[in-house]
Amino acid sequence: RERVADLEALIVRLSEENEALESARPSDLVEPIENMQ
């Protein structure tokens, strides 16, 4: 039961992180090309 509760909490945390990443603008996630040269 403790393991199931831990896994459920992990699912919630990962879902929140996924939603935050999906809502972020692509420019926030990728460095400008000039910085990558």
PDB file of all heavy atoms in Angstrom:
ATOM      1  N   ARG A   1       0.836  -1.215   0.000  1.00  0.00           N
ATOM      2  CA  ARG A   1       0.000   0.000   0.000  1.00  0.00           C
ATOM      3  C   ARG A   1       0.870   1.263   0.000  1.00  0.00           C
ATOM      4  O   ARG A   1       0.563   2.238  -0.690  1.00  0.00           O
ATOM      5  CB  ARG A   1      -0.940   0.002   1.198  1.00  0.00           C
ATOM      6  CG  ARG A   1      -2.074  -0.986   1.083  1.00  0.00           C
ATOM      7  CD  ARG A   1      -2.982  -0.933   2.316  1.00  0.00           C
ATOM      8  NE  ARG A   1      -3.953  -1.976   2.287  1.00  0.00           N
ATOM      9  CZ  ARG A   1      -5.153  -1.870   1.711  1.00  0.00           C
ATOM     10  NH1 ARG A   1      -5.486  -0.761   1.120  1.00  0.00           N
ATOM     11  NH2 ARG A   1      -5.988  -2.885   1.741  1.00  0.00           N
ATOM     12  N   GLU A   2       1.970   1.241   0.751  1.00  0.00           N
ATOM     13  CA  GLU A   2       2.887   2.382   0.763  1.00  0.00           C
ATOM     14  C   GLU A   2       3.524   2.567  -0.609  1.00  0.00           C
ATOM     15  O   GLU A   2       3.664   3.688  -1.097  1.00  0.00           O
ATOM     16  CB  GLU A   2       3.964   2.193   1.829  1.00  0.00           C
ATOM     17  CG  GLU A   2       3.446   2.310   3.245  1.00  0.00           C
ATOM     18  CD  GLU A   2       4.493   1.954   4.291  1.00  0.00           C
ATOM     19  OE1 GLU A   2       5.654   1.641   3.919  1.00  0.00           O
ATOM     20  OE2 GLU A   2       4.146   1.977   5.486  1.00  0.00           O
ATOM     21  N   ARG A   3       3.903   1.467  -1.256  1.00  0.00           N
ATOM     22  CA  ARG A   3       4.513   1.533  -2.591  1.00  0.00           C
ATOM     23  C   ARG A   3       3.527   2.093  -3.601  1.00  0.00           C
ATOM     24  O   ARG A   3       3.892   2.910  -4.450  1.00  0.00           O
ATOM     25  CB  ARG A   3       4.990   0.136  -3.002  1.00  0.00           C
ATOM     26  CG  ARG A   3       5.625   0.085  -4.355  1.00  0.00           C
ATOM     27  CD  ARG A   3       6.968   0.777  -4.360  1.00  0.00           C
ATOM     28  NE  ARG A   3       7.589   0.580  -5.650  1.00  0.00           N
ATOM     29  CZ  ARG A   3       8.251   1.516  -6.304  1.00  0.00           C
ATOM     30  NH1 ARG A   3       8.433   2.688  -5.759  1.00  0.00           N
ATOM     31  NH2 ARG A   3       8.772   1.271  -7.471  1.00  0.00           N
ATOM     32  N   VAL A   4       2.275   1.664  -3.533  1.00  0.00           N
ATOM     33  CA  VAL A   4       1.241   2.177  -4.438  1.00  0.00           C
ATOM     34  C   VAL A   4       1.057   3.677  -4.218  1.00  0.00           C
ATOM     35  O   VAL A   4       0.967   4.452  -5.177  1.00  0.00           O
ATOM     36  CB  VAL A   4      -0.090   1.417  -4.252  1.00  0.00           C
ATOM     37  CG1 VAL A   4      -1.234   2.125  -4.943  1.00  0.00           C
ATOM     38  CG2 VAL A   4       0.047  -0.011  -4.770  1.00  0.00           C
ATOM     39  N   ALA A   5       1.030   4.115  -2.969  1.00  0.00           N
ATOM     40  CA  ALA A   5       0.889   5.543  -2.678  1.00  0.00           C
ATOM     41  C   ALA A   5       2.080   6.325  -3.232  1.00  0.00           C
ATOM     42  O   ALA A   5       1.901   7.410  -3.802  1.00  0.00           O
ATOM     43  CB  ALA A   5       0.760   5.767  -1.175  1.00  0.00           C
ATOM     44  N   ASP A   6       3.295   5.784  -3.100  1.00  0.00           N
ATOM     45  CA  ASP A   6       4.481   6.438  -3.653  1.00  0.00           C
ATOM     46  C   ASP A   6       4.394   6.548  -5.171  1.00  0.00           C
ATOM     47  O   ASP A   6       4.722   7.588  -5.755  1.00  0.00           O
ATOM     48  CB  ASP A   6       5.755   5.688  -3.266  1.00  0.00           C
ATOM     49  CG  ASP A   6       6.076   5.772  -1.788  1.00  0.00           C
ATOM     50  OD1 ASP A   6       5.517   6.663  -1.101  1.00  0.00           O
ATOM     51  OD2 ASP A   6       6.882   4.941  -1.317  1.00  0.00           O
ATOM     52  N   LEU A   7       3.956   5.475  -5.824  1.00  0.00           N
ATOM     53  CA  LEU A   7       3.834   5.488  -7.281  1.00  0.00           C
ATOM     54  C   LEU A   7       2.748   6.456  -7.744  1.00  0.00           C
ATOM     55  O   LEU A   7       2.909   7.133  -8.765  1.00  0.00           O
ATOM     56  CB  LEU A   7       3.559   4.076  -7.800  1.00  0.00           C
ATOM     57  CG  LEU A   7       4.724   3.103  -7.669  1.00  0.00           C
ATOM     58  CD1 LEU A   7       4.285   1.695  -8.050  1.00  0.00           C
ATOM     59  CD2 LEU A   7       5.904   3.546  -8.515  1.00  0.00           C
ATOM     60  N   GLU A   8       1.640   6.541  -7.004  1.00  0.00           N
ATOM     61  CA  GLU A   8       0.596   7.497  -7.355  1.00  0.00           C
ATOM     62  C   GLU A   8       1.104   8.923  -7.231  1.00  0.00           C
ATOM     63  O   GLU A   8       0.813   9.770  -8.086  1.00  0.00           O
ATOM     64  CB  GLU A   8      -0.633   7.280  -6.478  1.00  0.00           C
ATOM     65  CG  GLU A   8      -1.395   6.020  -6.820  1.00  0.00           C
ATOM     66  CD  GLU A   8      -2.508   5.703  -5.842  1.00  0.00           C
ATOM     67  OE1 GLU A   8      -2.503   6.242  -4.712  1.00  0.00           O
ATOM     68  OE2 GLU A   8      -3.388   4.907  -6.212  1.00  0.00           O
ATOM     69  N   ALA A   9       1.896   9.205  -6.199  1.00  0.00           N
ATOM     70  CA  ALA A   9       2.477  10.544  -6.034  1.00  0.00           C
ATOM     71  C   ALA A   9       3.446  10.844  -7.173  1.00  0.00           C
ATOM     72  O   ALA A   9       3.490  11.973  -7.682  1.00  0.00           O
ATOM     73  CB  ALA A   9       3.181  10.651  -4.687  1.00  0.00           C
ATOM     74  N   LEU A  10       4.203   9.854  -7.599  1.00  0.00           N
ATOM     75  CA  LEU A  10       5.118  10.033  -8.716  1.00  0.00           C
ATOM     76  C   LEU A  10       4.359  10.338 -10.000  1.00  0.00           C
ATOM     77  O   LEU A  10       4.764  11.209 -10.777  1.00  0.00           O
ATOM     78  CB  LEU A  10       5.985   8.781  -8.886  1.00  0.00           C
ATOM     79  CG  LEU A  10       6.959   8.785 -10.056  1.00  0.00           C
ATOM     80  CD1 LEU A  10       8.003   9.886  -9.886  1.00  0.00           C
ATOM     81  CD2 LEU A  10       7.631   7.429 -10.193  1.00  0.00           C
ATOM     82  N   ILE A  11       3.260   9.652 -10.228  1.00  0.00           N
ATOM     83  CA  ILE A  11       2.444   9.904 -11.411  1.00  0.00           C
ATOM     84  C   ILE A  11       1.930  11.336 -11.420  1.00  0.00           C
ATOM     85  O   ILE A  11       1.974  12.026 -12.440  1.00  0.00           O
ATOM     86  CB  ILE A  11       1.272   8.896 -11.499  1.00  0.00           C
ATOM     87  CG1 ILE A  11       1.810   7.511 -11.842  1.00  0.00           C
ATOM     88  CG2 ILE A  11       0.235   9.345 -12.511  1.00  0.00           C
ATOM     89  CD1 ILE A  11       0.780   6.414 -11.733  1.00  0.00           C
ATOM     90  N   VAL A  12       1.467  11.810 -10.280  1.00  0.00           N
ATOM     91  CA  VAL A  12       0.969  13.187 -10.182  1.00  0.00           C
ATOM     92  C   VAL A  12       2.090  14.170 -10.483  1.00  0.00           C
ATOM     93  O   VAL A  12       1.920  15.120 -11.253  1.00  0.00           O
ATOM     94  CB  VAL A  12       0.351  13.443  -8.789  1.00  0.00           C
ATOM     95  CG1 VAL A  12       0.073  14.915  -8.573  1.00  0.00           C
ATOM     96  CG2 VAL A  12      -0.915  12.624  -8.621  1.00  0.00           C
ATOM     97  N   ARG A  13       3.269  13.950  -9.886  1.00  0.00           N
ATOM     98  CA  ARG A  13       4.393  14.866 -10.095  1.00  0.00           C
ATOM     99  C   ARG A  13       4.829  14.875 -11.551  1.00  0.00           C
ATOM    100  O   ARG A  13       5.045  15.946 -12.146  1.00  0.00           O
ATOM    101  CB  ARG A  13       5.576  14.464  -9.209  1.00  0.00           C
ATOM    102  CG  ARG A  13       6.752  15.434  -9.306  1.00  0.00           C
ATOM    103  CD  ARG A  13       7.915  15.026  -8.408  1.00  0.00           C
ATOM    104  NE  ARG A  13       8.468  13.724  -8.699  1.00  0.00           N
ATOM    105  CZ  ARG A  13       9.368  13.482  -9.676  1.00  0.00           C
ATOM    106  NH1 ARG A  13       9.788  14.446 -10.439  1.00  0.00           N
ATOM    107  NH2 ARG A  13       9.831  12.263  -9.844  1.00  0.00           N
ATOM    108  N   LEU A  14       4.934  13.705 -12.176  1.00  0.00           N
ATOM    109  CA  LEU A  14       5.342  13.638 -13.573  1.00  0.00           C
ATOM    110  C   LEU A  14       4.292  14.250 -14.494  1.00  0.00           C
ATOM    111  O   LEU A  14       4.646  14.891 -15.492  1.00  0.00           O
ATOM    112  CB  LEU A  14       5.632  12.188 -13.969  1.00  0.00           C
ATOM    113  CG  LEU A  14       6.865  11.560 -13.328  1.00  0.00           C
ATOM    114  CD1 LEU A  14       6.977  10.093 -13.716  1.00  0.00           C
ATOM    115  CD2 LEU A  14       8.125  12.318 -13.700  1.00  0.00           C
ATOM    116  N   SER A  15       3.025  14.083 -14.167  1.00  0.00           N
ATOM    117  CA  SER A  15       1.961  14.698 -14.970  1.00  0.00           C
ATOM    118  C   SER A  15       2.044  16.212 -14.905  1.00  0.00           C
ATOM    119  O   SER A  15       1.889  16.893 -15.928  1.00  0.00           O
ATOM    120  CB  SER A  15       0.594  14.230 -14.488  1.00  0.00           C
ATOM    121  OG  SER A  15       0.446  12.852 -14.692  1.00  0.00           O
ATOM    122  N   GLU A  16       2.310  16.748 -13.713  1.00  0.00           N
ATOM    123  CA  GLU A  16       2.446  18.198 -13.568  1.00  0.00           C
ATOM    124  C   GLU A  16       3.658  18.712 -14.339  1.00  0.00           C
ATOM    125  O   GLU A  16       3.576  19.746 -15.013  1.00  0.00           O
ATOM    126  CB  GLU A  16       2.560  18.575 -12.091  1.00  0.00           C
ATOM    127  CG  GLU A  16       1.274  18.370 -11.326  1.00  0.00           C
ATOM    128  CD  GLU A  16       1.439  18.519  -9.822  1.00  0.00           C
ATOM    129  OE1 GLU A  16       2.597  18.647  -9.351  1.00  0.00           O
ATOM    130  OE2 GLU A  16       0.417  18.493  -9.117  1.00  0.00           O
ATOM    131  N   GLU A  17       4.774  17.990 -14.279  1.00  0.00           N
ATOM    132  CA  GLU A  17       5.963  18.392 -15.027  1.00  0.00           C
ATOM    133  C   GLU A  17       5.689  18.336 -16.524  1.00  0.00           C
ATOM    134  O   GLU A  17       6.117  19.218 -17.275  1.00  0.00           O
ATOM    135  CB  GLU A  17       7.144  17.499 -14.684  1.00  0.00           C
ATOM    136  CG  GLU A  17       7.730  17.734 -13.315  1.00  0.00           C
ATOM    137  CD  GLU A  17       8.901  16.809 -13.010  1.00  0.00           C
ATOM    138  OE1 GLU A  17       9.446  16.187 -13.955  1.00  0.00           O
ATOM    139  OE2 GLU A  17       9.271  16.716 -11.832  1.00  0.00           O
ATOM    140  N   ASN A  18       4.986  17.310 -16.974  1.00  0.00           N
ATOM    141  CA  ASN A  18       4.665  17.160 -18.388  1.00  0.00           C
ATOM    142  C   ASN A  18       3.775  18.311 -18.856  1.00  0.00           C
ATOM    143  O   ASN A  18       4.002  18.873 -19.929  1.00  0.00           O
ATOM    144  CB  ASN A  18       3.984  15.813 -18.633  1.00  0.00           C
ATOM    145  CG  ASN A  18       3.849  15.503 -20.101  1.00  0.00           C
ATOM    146  OD1 ASN A  18       4.752  15.767 -20.875  1.00  0.00           O
ATOM    147  ND2 ASN A  18       2.714  14.937 -20.478  1.00  0.00           N
ATOM    148  N   GLU A  19       2.778  18.660 -18.066  1.00  0.00           N
ATOM    149  CA  GLU A  19       1.900  19.775 -18.425  1.00  0.00           C
ATOM    150  C   GLU A  19       2.678  21.084 -18.500  1.00  0.00           C
ATOM    151  O   GLU A  19       2.448  21.895 -19.395  1.00  0.00           O
ATOM    152  CB  GLU A  19       0.755  19.889 -17.423  1.00  0.00           C
ATOM    153  CG  GLU A  19      -0.246  18.752 -17.521  1.00  0.00           C
ATOM    154  CD  GLU A  19      -1.265  18.754 -16.395  1.00  0.00           C
ATOM    155  OE1 GLU A  19      -1.251  19.694 -15.571  1.00  0.00           O
ATOM    156  OE2 GLU A  19      -2.056  17.804 -16.342  1.00  0.00           O
ATOM    157  N   ALA A  20       3.608  21.281 -17.575  1.00  0.00           N
ATOM    158  CA  ALA A  20       4.426  22.496 -17.592  1.00  0.00           C
ATOM    159  C   ALA A  20       5.298  22.542 -18.845  1.00  0.00           C
ATOM    160  O   ALA A  20       5.439  23.600 -19.471  1.00  0.00           O
ATOM    161  CB  ALA A  20       5.286  22.576 -16.340  1.00  0.00           C
ATOM    162  N   LEU A  21       5.858  21.423 -19.238  1.00  0.00           N
ATOM    163  CA  LEU A  21       6.685  21.378 -20.442  1.00  0.00           C
ATOM    164  C   LEU A  21       5.847  21.599 -21.699  1.00  0.00           C
ATOM    165  O   LEU A  21       6.290  22.258 -22.639  1.00  0.00           O
ATOM    166  CB  LEU A  21       7.439  20.053 -20.527  1.00  0.00           C
ATOM    167  CG  LEU A  21       8.573  19.869 -19.532  1.00  0.00           C
ATOM    168  CD1 LEU A  21       9.106  18.440 -19.601  1.00  0.00           C
ATOM    169  CD2 LEU A  21       9.683  20.868 -19.800  1.00  0.00           C
ATOM    170  N   GLU A  22       4.652  21.029 -21.723  1.00  0.00           N
ATOM    171  CA  GLU A  22       3.784  21.205 -22.886  1.00  0.00           C
ATOM    172  C   GLU A  22       3.344  22.651 -23.045  1.00  0.00           C
ATOM    173  O   GLU A  22       3.188  23.140 -24.165  1.00  0.00           O
ATOM    174  CB  GLU A  22       2.560  20.295 -22.781  1.00  0.00           C
ATOM    175  CG  GLU A  22       2.868  18.833 -23.040  1.00  0.00           C
ATOM    176  CD  GLU A  22       1.648  17.947 -22.844  1.00  0.00           C
ATOM    177  OE1 GLU A  22       0.635  18.415 -22.282  1.00  0.00           O
ATOM    178  OE2 GLU A  22       1.718  16.776 -23.250  1.00  0.00           O
ATOM    179  N   SER A  23       3.167  23.346 -21.947  1.00  0.00           N
ATOM    180  CA  SER A  23       2.685  24.718 -22.018  1.00  0.00           C
ATOM    181  C   SER A  23       3.822  25.720 -22.243  1.00  0.00           C
ATOM    182  O   SER A  23       3.572  26.873 -22.563  1.00  0.00           O
ATOM    183  CB  SER A  23       1.918  25.085 -20.755  1.00  0.00           C
ATOM    184  OG  SER A  23       2.797  25.083 -19.643  1.00  0.00           O
ATOM    185  N   ALA A  24       5.075  25.288 -22.079  1.00  0.00           N
ATOM    186  CA  ALA A  24       6.211  26.183 -22.282  1.00  0.00           C
ATOM    187  C   ALA A  24       6.379  26.469 -23.766  1.00  0.00           C
ATOM    188  O   ALA A  24       6.078  25.630 -24.628  1.00  0.00           O
ATOM    189  CB  ALA A  24       7.476  25.549 -21.725  1.00  0.00           C
ATOM    190  N   ARG A  25       6.862  27.657 -24.060  1.00  0.00           N
ATOM    191  CA  ARG A  25       7.121  28.012 -25.447  1.00  0.00           C
ATOM    192  C   ARG A  25       8.365  27.276 -25.921  1.00  0.00           C
ATOM    193  O   ARG A  25       9.305  27.091 -25.147  1.00  0.00           O
ATOM    194  CB  ARG A  25       7.324  29.512 -25.582  1.00  0.00           C
ATOM    195  CG  ARG A  25       6.076  30.299 -25.266  1.00  0.00           C
ATOM    196  CD  ARG A  25       6.321  31.749 -25.484  1.00  0.00           C
ATOM    197  NE  ARG A  25       7.537  32.135 -24.722  1.00  0.00           N
ATOM    198  CZ  ARG A  25       7.916  33.358 -24.512  1.00  0.00           C
ATOM    199  NH1 ARG A  25       7.225  34.356 -24.989  1.00  0.00           N
ATOM    200  NH2 ARG A  25       9.011  33.626 -23.817  1.00  0.00           N
ATOM    201  N   PRO A  26       8.414  26.899 -27.184  1.00  0.00           N
ATOM    202  CA  PRO A  26       9.610  26.206 -27.705  1.00  0.00           C
ATOM    203  C   PRO A  26      10.890  27.023 -27.534  1.00  0.00           C
ATOM    204  O   PRO A  26      11.950  26.473 -27.290  1.00  0.00           O
ATOM    205  CB  PRO A  26       9.298  25.986 -29.177  1.00  0.00           C
ATOM    206  CG  PRO A  26       7.800  26.007 -29.251  1.00  0.00           C
ATOM    207  CD  PRO A  26       7.352  26.947 -28.170  1.00  0.00           C
ATOM    208  N   SER A  27      10.803  28.341 -27.616  1.00  0.00           N
ATOM    209  CA  SER A  27      12.006  29.159 -27.462  1.00  0.00           C
ATOM    210  C   SER A  27      12.545  29.089 -26.041  1.00  0.00           C
ATOM    211  O   SER A  27      13.728  29.328 -25.814  1.00  0.00           O
ATOM    212  CB  SER A  27      11.714  30.612 -27.837  1.00  0.00           C
ATOM    213  OG  SER A  27      10.718  31.137 -26.970  1.00  0.00           O
ATOM    214  N   ASP A  28      11.702  28.775 -25.081  1.00  0.00           N
ATOM    215  CA  ASP A  28      12.158  28.632 -23.701  1.00  0.00           C
ATOM    216  C   ASP A  28      12.908  27.314 -23.488  1.00  0.00           C
ATOM    217  O   ASP A  28      13.700  27.189 -22.556  1.00  0.00           O
ATOM    218  CB  ASP A  28      10.975  28.666 -22.727  1.00  0.00           C
ATOM    219  CG  ASP A  28      10.300  30.024 -22.682  1.00  0.00           C
ATOM    220  OD1 ASP A  28      10.919  31.013 -23.129  1.00  0.00           O
ATOM    221  OD2 ASP A  28       9.153  30.089 -22.206  1.00  0.00           O
ATOM    222  N   LEU A  29      12.647  26.356 -24.365  1.00  0.00           N
ATOM    223  CA  LEU A  29      13.228  25.029 -24.189  1.00  0.00           C
ATOM    224  C   LEU A  29      14.526  24.838 -24.962  1.00  0.00           C
ATOM    225  O   LEU A  29      15.332  23.982 -24.627  1.00  0.00           O
ATOM    226  CB  LEU A  29      12.227  23.960 -24.632  1.00  0.00           C
ATOM    227  CG  LEU A  29      10.899  23.929 -23.869  1.00  0.00           C
ATOM    228  CD1 LEU A  29       9.977  22.898 -24.483  1.00  0.00           C
ATOM    229  CD2 LEU A  29      11.143  23.625 -22.414  1.00  0.00           C
ATOM    230  N   VAL A  30      14.735  25.616 -26.029  1.00  0.00           N
ATOM    231  CA  VAL A  30      15.892  25.430 -26.895  1.00  0.00           C
ATOM    232  C   VAL A  30      16.738  26.694 -26.874  1.00  0.00           C
ATOM    233  O   VAL A  30      16.224  27.798 -26.981  1.00  0.00           O
ATOM    234  CB  VAL A  30      15.436  25.120 -28.343  1.00  0.00           C
ATOM    235  CG1 VAL A  30      16.635  24.934 -29.251  1.00  0.00           C
ATOM    236  CG2 VAL A  30      14.548  23.897 -28.373  1.00  0.00           C
ATOM    237  N   GLU A  31      18.044  26.514 -26.781  1.00  0.00           N
ATOM    238  CA  GLU A  31      18.947  27.655 -26.829  1.00  0.00           C
ATOM    239  C   GLU A  31      18.981  28.206 -28.249  1.00  0.00           C
ATOM    240  O   GLU A  31      18.831  27.454 -29.220  1.00  0.00           O
ATOM    241  CB  GLU A  31      20.358  27.224 -26.441  1.00  0.00           C
ATOM    242  CG  GLU A  31      20.522  26.819 -25.003  1.00  0.00           C
ATOM    243  CD  GLU A  31      21.965  26.476 -24.697  1.00  0.00           C
ATOM    244  OE1 GLU A  31      22.865  27.060 -25.324  1.00  0.00           O
ATOM    245  OE2 GLU A  31      22.162  25.616 -23.845  1.00  0.00           O
ATOM    246  N   PRO A  32      19.208  29.491 -28.389  1.00  0.00           N
ATOM    247  CA  PRO A  32      19.370  30.047 -29.739  1.00  0.00           C
ATOM    248  C   PRO A  32      20.539  29.387 -30.448  1.00  0.00           C
ATOM    249  O   PRO A  32      21.508  28.948 -29.827  1.00  0.00           O
ATOM    250  CB  PRO A  32      19.646  31.534 -29.490  1.00  0.00           C
ATOM    251  CG  PRO A  32      19.168  31.785 -28.105  1.00  0.00           C
ATOM    252  CD  PRO A  32      19.266  30.505 -27.359  1.00  0.00           C
ATOM    253  N   ILE A  33      20.442  29.289 -31.756  1.00  0.00           N
ATOM    254  CA  ILE A  33      21.466  28.616 -32.548  1.00  0.00           C
ATOM    255  C   ILE A  33      22.817  29.287 -32.385  1.00  0.00           C
ATOM    256  O   ILE A  33      23.857  28.630 -32.377  1.00  0.00           O
ATOM    257  CB  ILE A  33      21.048  28.570 -34.035  1.00  0.00           C
ATOM    258  CG1 ILE A  33      19.817  27.673 -34.172  1.00  0.00           C
ATOM    259  CG2 ILE A  33      22.176  28.056 -34.916  1.00  0.00           C
ATOM    260  CD1 ILE A  33      19.242  27.595 -35.543  1.00  0.00           C
ATOM    261  N   GLU A  34      22.853  30.590 -32.191  1.00  0.00           N
ATOM    262  CA  GLU A  34      24.113  31.311 -32.035  1.00  0.00           C
ATOM    263  C   GLU A  34      24.901  30.765 -30.835  1.00  0.00           C
ATOM    264  O   GLU A  34      26.132  30.707 -30.863  1.00  0.00           O
ATOM    265  CB  GLU A  34      23.888  32.806 -31.836  1.00  0.00           C
ATOM    266  CG  GLU A  34      23.217  33.500 -32.998  1.00  0.00           C
ATOM    267  CD  GLU A  34      21.703  33.367 -32.961  1.00  0.00           C
ATOM    268  OE1 GLU A  34      21.123  33.258 -31.887  1.00  0.00           O
ATOM    269  OE2 GLU A  34      21.107  33.342 -34.060  1.00  0.00           O
ATOM    270  N   ASN A  35      24.222  30.385 -29.796  1.00  0.00           N
ATOM    271  CA  ASN A  35      24.896  29.859 -28.601  1.00  0.00           C
ATOM    272  C   ASN A  35      25.381  28.432 -28.794  1.00  0.00           C
ATOM    273  O   ASN A  35      26.204  27.946 -28.013  1.00  0.00           O
ATOM    274  CB  ASN A  35      23.959  29.909 -27.409  1.00  0.00           C
ATOM    275  CG  ASN A  35      23.606  31.321 -27.006  1.00  0.00           C
ATOM    276  OD1 ASN A  35      24.271  32.270 -27.413  1.00  0.00           O
ATOM    277  ND2 ASN A  35      22.573  31.456 -26.202  1.00  0.00           N
ATOM    278  N   MET A  36      24.924  27.760 -29.813  1.00  0.00           N
ATOM    279  CA  MET A  36      25.271  26.370 -30.020  1.00  0.00           C
ATOM    280  C   MET A  36      26.444  26.194 -30.995  1.00  0.00           C
ATOM    281  O   MET A  36      26.940  25.095 -31.168  1.00  0.00           O
ATOM    282  CB  MET A  36      24.050  25.601 -30.529  1.00  0.00           C
ATOM    283  CG  MET A  36      22.923  25.564 -29.527  1.00  0.00           C
ATOM    284  SD  MET A  36      21.423  24.788 -30.134  1.00  0.00           S
ATOM    285  CE  MET A  36      21.966  23.161 -30.475  1.00  0.00           C
ATOM    286  N   GLN A  37      26.877  27.267 -31.642  1.00  0.00           N
ATOM    287  CA  GLN A  37      27.964  27.174 -32.605  1.00  0.00           C
ATOM    288  C   GLN A  37      29.308  27.012 -31.890  1.00  0.00           C
ATOM    289  O   GLN A  37      29.518  27.601 -30.830  1.00  0.00           O
ATOM    290  CB  GLN A  37      28.001  28.423 -33.495  1.00  0.00           C
ATOM    291  CG  GLN A  37      26.746  28.614 -34.311  1.00  0.00           C
ATOM    292  CD  GLN A  37      26.504  27.468 -35.287  1.00  0.00           C
ATOM    293  OE1 GLN A  37      27.455  26.935 -35.841  1.00  0.00           O
ATOM    294  NE2 GLN A  37      25.256  27.081 -35.453  1.00  0.00           N
TER     295      GLN A  37
END
